[in-house]
C-alpha atoms as a PDB file:
ATOM      1  CA  UNK A   1     102.342 129.120 135.266  1.00  0.00           C
ATOM      2  CA  UNK A   2      99.433 127.271 136.829  1.00  0.00           C
ATOM      3  CA  UNK A   3      97.266 127.842 133.761  1.00  0.00           C
ATOM      4  CA  UNK A   4      99.955 126.439 131.443  1.00  0.00           C
ATOM      5  CA  UNK A   5     100.224 123.157 133.361  1.00  0.00           C
ATOM      6  CA  UNK A   6      96.471 122.898 133.595  1.00  0.00           C
ATOM      7  CA  UNK A   7      96.009 123.392 129.837  1.00  0.00           C
ATOM      8  CA  UNK A   8      98.646 120.749 129.011  1.00  0.00           C
ATOM      9  CA  UNK A   9      96.921 118.285 131.338  1.00  0.00           C
ATOM     10  CA  UNK A  10      93.598 118.947 129.602  1.00  0.00           C
ATOM     11  CA  UNK A  11      95.044 118.415 126.126  1.00  0.00           C
ATOM     12  CA  UNK A  12      96.765 115.155 127.084  1.00  0.00           C
ATOM     13  CA  UNK A  13      93.552 113.744 128.551  1.00  0.00           C
ATOM     14  CA  UNK A  14      91.586 114.848 125.460  1.00  0.00           C
ATOM     15  CA  UNK A  15      94.034 113.041 123.164  1.00  0.00           C
ATOM     16  CA  UNK A  16      93.526 109.812 125.103  1.00  0.00           C
ATOM     17  CA  UNK A  17      89.737 109.892 124.690  1.00  0.00           C
ATOM     18  CA  UNK A  18      88.368 107.090 122.455  1.00  0.00           C
ATOM     19  CA  UNK A  19      86.610 109.438 120.003  1.00  0.00           C
ATOM     20  CA  UNK A  20      89.441 111.964 119.918  1.00  0.00           C
ATOM     21  CA  UNK A  21      91.134 113.383 116.823  1.00  0.00           C
ATOM     22  CA  UNK A  22      93.726 111.182 115.116  1.00  0.00           C
ATOM     23  CA  UNK A  23      97.326 111.134 116.268  1.00  0.00           C
ATOM     24  CA  UNK A  24      99.750 112.829 113.825  1.00  0.00           C
ATOM     25  CA  UNK A  25     101.308 110.213 111.567  1.00  0.00           C
ATOM     26  CA  UNK A  26      98.475 107.769 112.200  1.00  0.00           C
ATOM     27  CA  UNK A  27      97.300 105.635 109.277  1.00  0.00           C
ATOM     28  CA  UNK A  28      94.059 107.021 107.847  1.00  0.00           C
ATOM     29  CA  UNK A  29      92.118 105.269 105.096  1.00  0.00           C
ATOM     30  CA  UNK A  30      89.417 106.663 102.835  1.00  0.00           C
ATOM     31  CA  UNK A  31      86.727 104.362 101.546  1.00  0.00           C
ATOM     32  CA  UNK A  32      83.111 103.965 100.547  1.00  0.00           C
ATOM     33  CA  UNK A  33      80.441 102.626 102.916  1.00  0.00           C
ATOM     34  CA  UNK A  34      78.971  99.455 101.426  1.00  0.00           C
ATOM     35  CA  UNK A  35      76.780  98.409 104.372  1.00  0.00           C
ATOM     36  CA  UNK A  36      75.317 100.044 107.467  1.00  0.00           C
ATOM     37  CA  UNK A  37      72.837  97.339 108.439  1.00  0.00           C
ATOM     38  CA  UNK A  38      74.661  96.453 111.661  1.00  0.00           C
ATOM     39  CA  UNK A  39      74.242  98.230 114.986  1.00  0.00           C
ATOM     40  CA  UNK A  40      76.978 100.896 115.398  1.00  0.00           C
ATOM     41  CA  UNK A  41      79.058  99.203 112.686  1.00  0.00           C
ATOM     42  CA  UNK A  42      79.675 100.015 109.025  1.00  0.00           C
ATOM     43  CA  UNK A  43      81.432  98.033 106.313  1.00  0.00           C
ATOM     44  CA  UNK A  44      83.888 100.199 104.352  1.00  0.00           C
ATOM     45  CA  UNK A  45      85.383  99.190 101.004  1.00  0.00           C
ATOM     46  CA  UNK A  46      88.915 100.558 100.582  1.00  0.00           C
ATOM     47  CA  UNK A  47      90.573 100.498  97.137  1.00  0.00           C
ATOM     48  CA  UNK A  48      94.286 100.400  96.469  1.00  0.00           C
ATOM     49  CA  UNK A  49      96.481  99.988  93.391  1.00  0.00           C
ATOM     50  CA  UNK A  50      98.978  97.112  93.382  1.00  0.00           C
ATOM     51  CA  UNK A  51     101.640  96.681  90.745  1.00  0.00           C
ATOM     52  CA  UNK A  52     101.697  93.251  89.085  1.00  0.00           C
ATOM     53  CA  UNK A  53     105.070  91.627  89.812  1.00  0.00           C
ATOM     54  CA  UNK A  54     105.715  90.370  86.239  1.00  0.00           C
ATOM     55  CA  UNK A  55     103.839  92.679  83.895  1.00  0.00           C
ATOM     56  CA  UNK A  56     104.014  95.946  85.816  1.00  0.00           C
ATOM     57  CA  UNK A  57     100.354  96.773  85.226  1.00  0.00           C
ATOM     58  CA  UNK A  58      98.539  98.328  88.165  1.00  0.00           C
ATOM     59  CA  UNK A  59      95.663  96.201  89.469  1.00  0.00           C
ATOM     60  CA  UNK A  60      92.808  97.592  91.550  1.00  0.00           C
ATOM     61  CA  UNK A  61      92.359  95.648  94.809  1.00  0.00           C
ATOM     62  CA  UNK A  62      89.609  96.194  97.389  1.00  0.00           C
ATOM     63  CA  UNK A  63      89.521  95.396 101.078  1.00  0.00           C
ATOM     64  CA  UNK A  64      86.340  95.400 103.132  1.00  0.00           C
ATOM     65  CA  UNK A  65      86.882  96.635 106.707  1.00  0.00           C
ATOM     66  CA  UNK A  66      84.440  96.932 109.586  1.00  0.00           C
ATOM     67  CA  UNK A  67      84.461 100.279 111.399  1.00  0.00           C
ATOM     68  CA  UNK A  68      82.759 101.525 114.558  1.00  0.00           C
ATOM     69  CA  UNK A  69      80.139 104.230 113.922  1.00  0.00           C
ATOM     70  CA  UNK A  70      78.955 105.287 117.373  1.00  0.00           C
ATOM     71  CA  UNK A  71      76.351 107.840 116.272  1.00  0.00           C
ATOM     72  CA  UNK A  72      75.164 106.044 113.118  1.00  0.00           C
ATOM     73  CA  UNK A  73      75.738 109.088 110.895  1.00  0.00           C
ATOM     74  CA  UNK A  74      76.960 107.316 107.753  1.00  0.00           C
ATOM     75  CA  UNK A  75      74.824 105.631 105.114  1.00  0.00           C
ATOM     76  CA  UNK A  76      75.552 103.382 102.127  1.00  0.00           C
ATOM     77  CA  UNK A  77      77.472 105.201  99.406  1.00  0.00           C
ATOM     78  CA  UNK A  78      79.075 107.793 101.707  1.00  0.00           C
ATOM     79  CA  UNK A  79      82.786 108.518 101.375  1.00  0.00           C
ATOM     80  CA  UNK A  80      84.358 108.229 104.845  1.00  0.00           C
ATOM     81  CA  UNK A  81      87.710 108.422 106.626  1.00  0.00           C
ATOM     82  CA  UNK A  82      88.523 105.656 109.108  1.00  0.00           C
ATOM     83  CA  UNK A  83      91.359 105.261 111.618  1.00  0.00           C
ATOM     84  CA  UNK A  84      92.697 102.216 113.465  1.00  0.00           C
ATOM     85  CA  UNK A  85      91.696 101.617 117.086  1.00  0.00           C
ATOM     86  CA  UNK A  86      91.762  98.822 119.626  1.00  0.00           C
ATOM     87  CA  UNK A  87      89.929  95.646 118.543  1.00  0.00           C
ATOM     88  CA  UNK A  88      86.241  95.964 119.402  1.00  0.00           C
ATOM     89  CA  UNK A  89      85.289  92.525 118.106  1.00  0.00           C
ATOM     90  CA  UNK A  90      86.849  89.756 116.045  1.00  0.00           C
ATOM     91  CA  UNK A  91      86.816  91.747 112.779  1.00  0.00           C
ATOM     92  CA  UNK A  92      86.173  95.336 113.899  1.00  0.00           C
ATOM     93  CA  UNK A  93      89.330  97.314 114.717  1.00  0.00           C
ATOM     94  CA  UNK A  94      88.671 100.616 112.902  1.00  0.00           C
ATOM     95  CA  UNK A  95      86.611 103.662 113.859  1.00  0.00           C
ATOM     96  CA  UNK A  96      84.844 106.277 111.790  1.00  0.00           C
ATOM     97  CA  UNK A  97      86.516 109.688 111.920  1.00  0.00           C
ATOM     98  CA  UNK A  98      84.385 111.719 109.531  1.00  0.00           C
ATOM     99  CA  UNK A  99      82.028 111.573 106.599  1.00  0.00           C
ATOM    100  CA  UNK A 100      83.796 113.326 103.718  1.00  0.00           C
ATOM    101  CA  UNK A 101      80.987 113.214 101.161  1.00  0.00           C
ATOM    102  CA  UNK A 102      77.366 112.157 101.477  1.00  0.00           C
ATOM    103  CA  UNK A 103      75.917 109.734  98.946  1.00  0.00           C
ATOM    104  CA  UNK A 104      74.045 111.249  96.005  1.00  0.00           C
ATOM    105  CA  UNK A 105      70.258 111.067  96.043  1.00  0.00           C
ATOM    106  CA  UNK A 106      69.691 111.655  99.764  1.00  0.00           C
END
């Protein structure tokens, strides 16, 4: 019994860690890194399709988000997954979860 309570306490503290795995049901976005010139910060361009209200044609819209990259592993052109986190600055409220695909030519 003591080991069961100890293991549940360890898992709950691990989930609360800032660099922990995402919470189930959490909003994850996939995008392309467009800039990594800042210190511990990357700019990620996220594309989405929006239906035009009158004509019904799907329009491609992009949003540029700033994400926290603690280790500096991503480079321009990489495909990454980001997750929301507490605001770290005025515009940065996302964190890098993983690099899905490295940019070609590296």
